[in-house]
Amino acid sequence: MKERIVNYLAYIDDILEKDSDTTDYDKLIREHLVQIGFFMHERLIHLIVTVLFAIGTFMTVFAYIFSENIGLLALAFLLIILLIPYIGHYYRLENGVQKMYKQYDVMVNRKRDT
């Protein structure tokens, strides 16, 4: 997913940089809104998964504190190891979608100016 969003953002940036008179902004805006929808859906799913992993991690840590079962500490450690990439991935998705919103605004402004 990281590669897809990076490639798509670069593709749109390239189109916006060229700012050709032949650019069909209506078509580009429609395509961009579809892509925003896809990435927003992905972002929502990863937010839910990340929050559930975080809750599970905290519950495991608290359970370890009260029971002092070393197995729970090992589980908490594994959950933290999984949580870090989930947070990183969600961060990339969030920033990517925010950049897509800015690209959309540029497209709408250029369409309005033509």
N, C-alpha and C. Protein backbone atom coordinates (compact mmCIF):
# COMPACT_ATOMS: atom_id res chain seq x y z
N MET A 1 0.83 -1.19 0.00
CA MET A 1 0.00 0.00 0.00
C MET A 1 0.87 1.25 0.00
N LYS A 2 1.99 1.18 0.70
CA LYS A 2 2.88 2.35 0.75
C LYS A 2 3.34 2.72 -0.67
N GLU A 3 3.74 1.71 -1.43
CA GLU A 3 4.23 1.96 -2.79
C GLU A 3 3.11 2.54 -3.65
N ARG A 4 1.91 2.04 -3.48
CA ARG A 4 0.79 2.53 -4.30
C ARG A 4 0.50 3.99 -4.02
N ILE A 5 0.44 4.37 -2.76
CA ILE A 5 0.11 5.76 -2.44
C ILE A 5 1.24 6.70 -2.86
N VAL A 6 2.49 6.26 -2.67
CA VAL A 6 3.64 7.08 -3.08
C VAL A 6 3.62 7.28 -4.60
N ASN A 7 3.39 6.21 -5.34
CA ASN A 7 3.34 6.31 -6.81
C ASN A 7 2.19 7.19 -7.28
N TYR A 8 1.04 7.05 -6.64
CA TYR A 8 -0.11 7.85 -7.05
C TYR A 8 0.12 9.33 -6.76
N LEU A 9 0.66 9.63 -5.59
CA LEU A 9 0.93 11.03 -5.25
C LEU A 9 1.94 11.63 -6.23
N ALA A 10 2.95 10.87 -6.60
CA ALA A 10 3.95 11.35 -7.56
C ALA A 10 3.32 11.56 -8.94
N TYR A 11 2.42 10.66 -9.33
CA TYR A 11 1.72 10.78 -10.60
C TYR A 11 0.92 12.08 -10.66
N ILE A 12 0.16 12.36 -9.62
CA ILE A 12 -0.66 13.58 -9.58
C ILE A 12 0.23 14.81 -9.49
N ASP A 13 1.27 14.75 -8.68
CA ASP A 13 2.20 15.89 -8.59
C ASP A 13 2.80 16.20 -9.95
N ASP A 14 3.14 15.16 -10.71
CA ASP A 14 3.71 15.35 -12.04
C ASP A 14 2.71 16.05 -12.96
N ILE A 15 1.47 15.62 -12.92
CA ILE A 15 0.43 16.26 -13.75
C ILE A 15 0.25 17.72 -13.35
N LEU A 16 0.19 17.97 -12.05
CA LEU A 16 -0.02 19.34 -11.57
C LEU A 16 1.18 20.23 -11.86
N GLU A 17 2.37 19.64 -11.85
CA GLU A 17 3.58 20.40 -12.13
C GLU A 17 3.61 20.85 -13.59
N LYS A 18 3.22 19.95 -14.49
CA LYS A 18 3.23 20.27 -15.92
C LYS A 18 2.17 21.32 -16.26
N ASP A 19 1.02 21.23 -15.63
CA ASP A 19 -0.09 22.17 -15.82
C ASP A 19 -0.35 22.45 -17.30
N SER A 20 -0.56 21.39 -18.05
CA SER A 20 -0.80 21.49 -19.48
C SER A 20 -2.21 22.02 -19.74
N ASP A 21 -2.34 22.72 -20.86
CA ASP A 21 -3.66 23.23 -21.26
C ASP A 21 -4.59 22.10 -21.68
N THR A 22 -4.02 20.95 -22.02
CA THR A 22 -4.83 19.82 -22.47
C THR A 22 -5.31 18.93 -21.31
N THR A 23 -4.93 19.26 -20.09
CA THR A 23 -5.34 18.45 -18.94
C THR A 23 -6.84 18.57 -18.74
N ASP A 24 -7.50 17.44 -18.71
CA ASP A 24 -8.95 17.40 -18.46
C ASP A 24 -9.15 17.32 -16.94
N TYR A 25 -9.34 18.49 -16.34
CA TYR A 25 -9.45 18.53 -14.88
C TYR A 25 -10.73 17.88 -14.37
N ASP A 26 -11.79 17.89 -15.16
CA ASP A 26 -13.02 17.20 -14.72
C ASP A 26 -12.75 15.71 -14.53
N LYS A 27 -12.12 15.11 -15.53
CA LYS A 27 -11.81 13.67 -15.47
C LYS A 27 -10.80 13.40 -14.35
N LEU A 28 -9.79 14.25 -14.24
CA LEU A 28 -8.76 14.07 -13.21
C LEU A 28 -9.35 14.18 -11.81
N ILE A 29 -10.26 15.13 -11.62
CA ILE A 29 -10.90 15.30 -10.31
C ILE A 29 -11.74 14.08 -9.97
N ARG A 30 -12.49 13.56 -10.94
CA ARG A 30 -13.31 12.36 -10.68
C ARG A 30 -12.42 11.18 -10.29
N GLU A 31 -11.33 10.99 -11.05
CA GLU A 31 -10.40 9.90 -10.75
C GLU A 31 -9.78 10.09 -9.37
N HIS A 32 -9.42 11.32 -9.07
CA HIS A 32 -8.78 11.62 -7.79
C HIS A 32 -9.73 11.36 -6.61
N LEU A 33 -10.98 11.73 -6.77
CA LEU A 33 -11.96 11.48 -5.70
C LEU A 33 -12.16 9.99 -5.45
N VAL A 34 -12.12 9.20 -6.52
CA VAL A 34 -12.21 7.74 -6.35
C VAL A 34 -11.01 7.23 -5.56
N GLN A 35 -9.82 7.69 -5.93
CA GLN A 35 -8.61 7.27 -5.22
C GLN A 35 -8.63 7.73 -3.76
N ILE A 36 -9.10 8.94 -3.52
CA ILE A 36 -9.22 9.41 -2.13
C ILE A 36 -10.14 8.48 -1.35
N GLY A 37 -11.25 8.07 -1.97
CA GLY A 37 -12.17 7.14 -1.31
C GLY A 37 -11.50 5.82 -0.96
N PHE A 38 -10.71 5.28 -1.90
CA PHE A 38 -9.99 4.04 -1.63
C PHE A 38 -9.04 4.19 -0.45
N PHE A 39 -8.26 5.26 -0.47
CA PHE A 39 -7.26 5.44 0.58
C PHE A 39 -7.91 5.80 1.92
N MET A 40 -9.05 6.51 1.88
CA MET A 40 -9.76 6.80 3.13
C MET A 40 -10.28 5.51 3.75
N HIS A 41 -10.78 4.60 2.92
CA HIS A 41 -11.26 3.32 3.43
C HIS A 41 -10.10 2.55 4.06
N GLU A 42 -8.98 2.51 3.36
CA GLU A 42 -7.78 1.83 3.89
C GLU A 42 -7.34 2.47 5.21
N ARG A 43 -7.40 3.78 5.25
CA ARG A 43 -7.01 4.51 6.47
C ARG A 43 -7.92 4.15 7.63
N LEU A 44 -9.23 4.08 7.38
CA LEU A 44 -10.18 3.72 8.44
C LEU A 44 -9.92 2.32 8.97
N ILE A 45 -9.71 1.37 8.06
CA ILE A 45 -9.45 -0.01 8.48
C ILE A 45 -8.18 -0.07 9.33
N HIS A 46 -7.13 0.62 8.89
CA HIS A 46 -5.88 0.58 9.65
C HIS A 46 -5.99 1.33 10.97
N LEU A 47 -6.82 2.35 11.04
CA LEU A 47 -7.07 3.02 12.31
C LEU A 47 -7.72 2.06 13.30
N ILE A 48 -8.72 1.33 12.84
CA ILE A 48 -9.41 0.37 13.70
C ILE A 48 -8.45 -0.70 14.18
N VAL A 49 -7.66 -1.26 13.27
CA VAL A 49 -6.70 -2.31 13.64
C VAL A 49 -5.66 -1.77 14.61
N THR A 50 -5.15 -0.58 14.35
CA THR A 50 -4.13 0.02 15.21
C THR A 50 -4.68 0.27 16.61
N VAL A 51 -5.88 0.81 16.70
CA VAL A 51 -6.49 1.07 18.01
C VAL A 51 -6.73 -0.24 18.76
N LEU A 52 -7.19 -1.26 18.06
CA LEU A 52 -7.42 -2.55 18.73
C LEU A 52 -6.10 -3.17 19.22
N PHE A 53 -5.05 -3.05 18.42
CA PHE A 53 -3.74 -3.54 18.87
C PHE A 53 -3.25 -2.75 20.08
N ALA A 54 -3.46 -1.44 20.07
CA ALA A 54 -3.04 -0.61 21.21
C ALA A 54 -3.81 -0.98 22.47
N ILE A 55 -5.11 -1.16 22.33
CA ILE A 55 -5.92 -1.56 23.49
C ILE A 55 -5.48 -2.92 24.00
N GLY A 56 -5.27 -3.86 23.08
CA GLY A 56 -4.80 -5.19 23.48
C GLY A 56 -3.46 -5.14 24.18
N THR A 57 -2.58 -4.28 23.70
CA THR A 57 -1.27 -4.13 24.33
C THR A 57 -1.40 -3.60 25.74
N PHE A 58 -2.19 -2.54 25.92
CA PHE A 58 -2.37 -1.99 27.26
C PHE A 58 -3.05 -2.98 28.20
N MET A 59 -4.04 -3.71 27.68
CA MET A 59 -4.71 -4.70 28.52
C MET A 59 -3.73 -5.79 28.96
N THR A 60 -2.85 -6.20 28.05
CA THR A 60 -1.86 -7.22 28.37
C THR A 60 -0.86 -6.72 29.41
N VAL A 61 -0.43 -5.47 29.26
CA VAL A 61 0.51 -4.89 30.24
C VAL A 61 -0.15 -4.79 31.61
N PHE A 62 -1.39 -4.31 31.64
CA PHE A 62 -2.09 -4.22 32.93
C PHE A 62 -2.33 -5.61 33.54
N ALA A 63 -2.65 -6.58 32.71
CA ALA A 63 -2.83 -7.94 33.22
C ALA A 63 -1.52 -8.47 33.79
N TYR A 64 -0.41 -8.16 33.15
CA TYR A 64 0.90 -8.58 33.67
C TYR A 64 1.18 -7.92 35.02
N ILE A 65 0.88 -6.63 35.13
CA ILE A 65 1.13 -5.91 36.38
C ILE A 65 0.38 -6.56 37.53
N PHE A 66 -0.86 -6.97 37.30
CA PHE A 66 -1.66 -7.55 38.37
C PHE A 66 -1.36 -9.03 38.61
N SER A 67 -0.94 -9.76 37.59
CA SER A 67 -0.75 -11.20 37.78
C SER A 67 0.72 -11.61 37.81
N GLU A 68 1.60 -10.78 37.29
CA GLU A 68 3.04 -11.05 37.22
C GLU A 68 3.34 -12.36 36.49
N ASN A 69 2.53 -12.67 35.51
CA ASN A 69 2.74 -13.85 34.67
C ASN A 69 3.69 -13.44 33.54
N ILE A 70 4.85 -14.07 33.46
CA ILE A 70 5.87 -13.70 32.49
C ILE A 70 5.39 -13.90 31.04
N GLY A 71 4.47 -14.82 30.84
CA GLY A 71 3.91 -15.05 29.51
C GLY A 71 3.18 -13.82 28.99
N LEU A 72 2.50 -13.11 29.89
CA LEU A 72 1.80 -11.89 29.50
C LEU A 72 2.78 -10.79 29.10
N LEU A 73 3.92 -10.76 29.76
CA LEU A 73 4.94 -9.78 29.41
C LEU A 73 5.50 -10.08 28.01
N ALA A 74 5.70 -11.34 27.72
CA ALA A 74 6.17 -11.73 26.39
C ALA A 74 5.13 -11.37 25.33
N LEU A 75 3.86 -11.60 25.63
CA LEU A 75 2.78 -11.25 24.70
C LEU A 75 2.73 -9.74 24.48
N ALA A 76 2.87 -8.97 25.55
CA ALA A 76 2.87 -7.51 25.43
C ALA A 76 4.03 -7.04 24.54
N PHE A 77 5.18 -7.67 24.72
CA PHE A 77 6.34 -7.32 23.90
C PHE A 77 6.06 -7.60 22.42
N LEU A 78 5.47 -8.75 22.12
CA LEU A 78 5.13 -9.09 20.74
C LEU A 78 4.09 -8.12 20.16
N LEU A 79 3.12 -7.74 20.97
CA LEU A 79 2.11 -6.79 20.51
C LEU A 79 2.73 -5.43 20.22
N ILE A 80 3.66 -5.01 21.05
CA ILE A 80 4.35 -3.73 20.81
C ILE A 80 5.14 -3.78 19.51
N ILE A 81 5.79 -4.92 19.26
CA ILE A 81 6.54 -5.08 18.02
C ILE A 81 5.61 -4.97 16.81
N LEU A 82 4.40 -5.50 16.91
CA LEU A 82 3.43 -5.39 15.82
C LEU A 82 2.80 -4.00 15.74
N LEU A 83 2.66 -3.35 16.88
CA LEU A 83 2.01 -2.05 16.93
C LEU A 83 2.84 -0.97 16.24
N ILE A 84 4.14 -1.04 16.35
CA ILE A 84 5.01 -0.02 15.77
C ILE A 84 4.83 0.07 14.24
N PRO A 85 4.89 -1.04 13.50
CA PRO A 85 4.65 -0.91 12.05
C PRO A 85 3.23 -0.44 11.70
N TYR A 86 2.24 -0.86 12.50
CA TYR A 86 0.88 -0.39 12.25
C TYR A 86 0.79 1.12 12.40
N ILE A 87 1.42 1.66 13.42
CA ILE A 87 1.40 3.12 13.61
C ILE A 87 2.12 3.80 12.45
N GLY A 88 3.25 3.27 12.03
CA GLY A 88 3.97 3.85 10.90
C GLY A 88 3.15 3.82 9.62
N HIS A 89 2.48 2.70 9.38
CA HIS A 89 1.66 2.58 8.17
C HIS A 89 0.48 3.55 8.22
N TYR A 90 -0.17 3.64 9.36
CA TYR A 90 -1.29 4.57 9.49
C TYR A 90 -0.82 6.00 9.31
N TYR A 91 0.35 6.32 9.83
CA TYR A 91 0.92 7.66 9.69
C TYR A 91 1.11 8.00 8.20
N ARG A 92 1.66 7.05 7.44
CA ARG A 92 1.86 7.27 6.00
C ARG A 92 0.52 7.44 5.28
N LEU A 93 -0.45 6.63 5.63
CA LEU A 93 -1.77 6.75 5.01
C LEU A 93 -2.41 8.10 5.33
N GLU A 94 -2.34 8.49 6.58
CA GLU A 94 -2.94 9.77 6.99
C GLU A 94 -2.29 10.93 6.25
N ASN A 95 -0.96 10.96 6.22
CA ASN A 95 -0.28 12.05 5.53
C ASN A 95 -0.54 12.01 4.03
N GLY A 96 -0.62 10.81 3.46
CA GLY A 96 -0.91 10.69 2.04
C GLY A 96 -2.29 11.22 1.69
N VAL A 97 -3.28 10.88 2.48
CA VAL A 97 -4.64 11.36 2.22
C VAL A 97 -4.71 12.88 2.41
N GLN A 98 -4.02 13.40 3.41
CA GLN A 98 -3.99 14.85 3.60
C GLN A 98 -3.37 15.55 2.39
N LYS A 99 -2.32 14.96 1.84
CA LYS A 99 -1.71 15.54 0.64
C LYS A 99 -2.66 15.44 -0.55
N MET A 100 -3.43 14.35 -0.62
CA MET A 100 -4.40 14.21 -1.69
C MET A 100 -5.48 15.29 -1.61
N TYR A 101 -5.86 15.67 -0.40
CA TYR A 101 -6.82 16.77 -0.24
C TYR A 101 -6.25 18.07 -0.81
N LYS A 102 -4.98 18.32 -0.55
CA LYS A 102 -4.34 19.54 -1.07
C LYS A 102 -4.26 19.49 -2.59
N GLN A 103 -3.94 18.32 -3.14
CA GLN A 103 -3.90 18.17 -4.59
C GLN A 103 -5.28 18.42 -5.19
N TYR A 104 -6.30 17.92 -4.52
CA TYR A 104 -7.67 18.13 -4.98
C TYR A 104 -7.99 19.62 -5.03
N ASP A 105 -7.61 20.34 -3.98
CA ASP A 105 -7.85 21.79 -3.95
C ASP A 105 -7.17 22.49 -5.12
N VAL A 106 -5.94 22.09 -5.44
CA VAL A 106 -5.22 22.67 -6.58
C VAL A 106 -5.98 22.39 -7.87
N MET A 107 -6.44 21.16 -8.03
CA MET A 107 -7.18 20.79 -9.25
C MET A 107 -8.44 21.63 -9.40
N VAL A 108 -9.19 21.76 -8.32
CA VAL A 108 -10.44 22.53 -8.37
C VAL A 108 -10.15 23.99 -8.70
N ASN A 109 -9.11 24.55 -8.11
CA ASN A 109 -8.76 25.94 -8.40
C ASN A 109 -8.34 26.11 -9.85
N ARG A 110 -7.58 25.17 -10.39
CA ARG A 110 -7.16 25.28 -11.79
C ARG A 110 -8.34 25.10 -12.74
N LYS A 111 -9.27 24.22 -12.38
CA LYS A 111 -10.47 24.03 -13.20
C LYS A 111 -11.29 25.31 -13.21
N ARG A 112 -11.39 25.93 -12.06
CA ARG A 112 -12.16 27.17 -11.92
C ARG A 112 -11.53 28.29 -12.75
N ASP A 113 -10.20 28.30 -12.82
CA ASP A 113 -9.49 29.36 -13.54
C ASP A 113 -9.55 29.19 -15.05
N THR A 114 -9.90 27.99 -15.53
CA THR A 114 -9.94 27.79 -16.99
C THR A 114 -11.28 28.14 -17.58
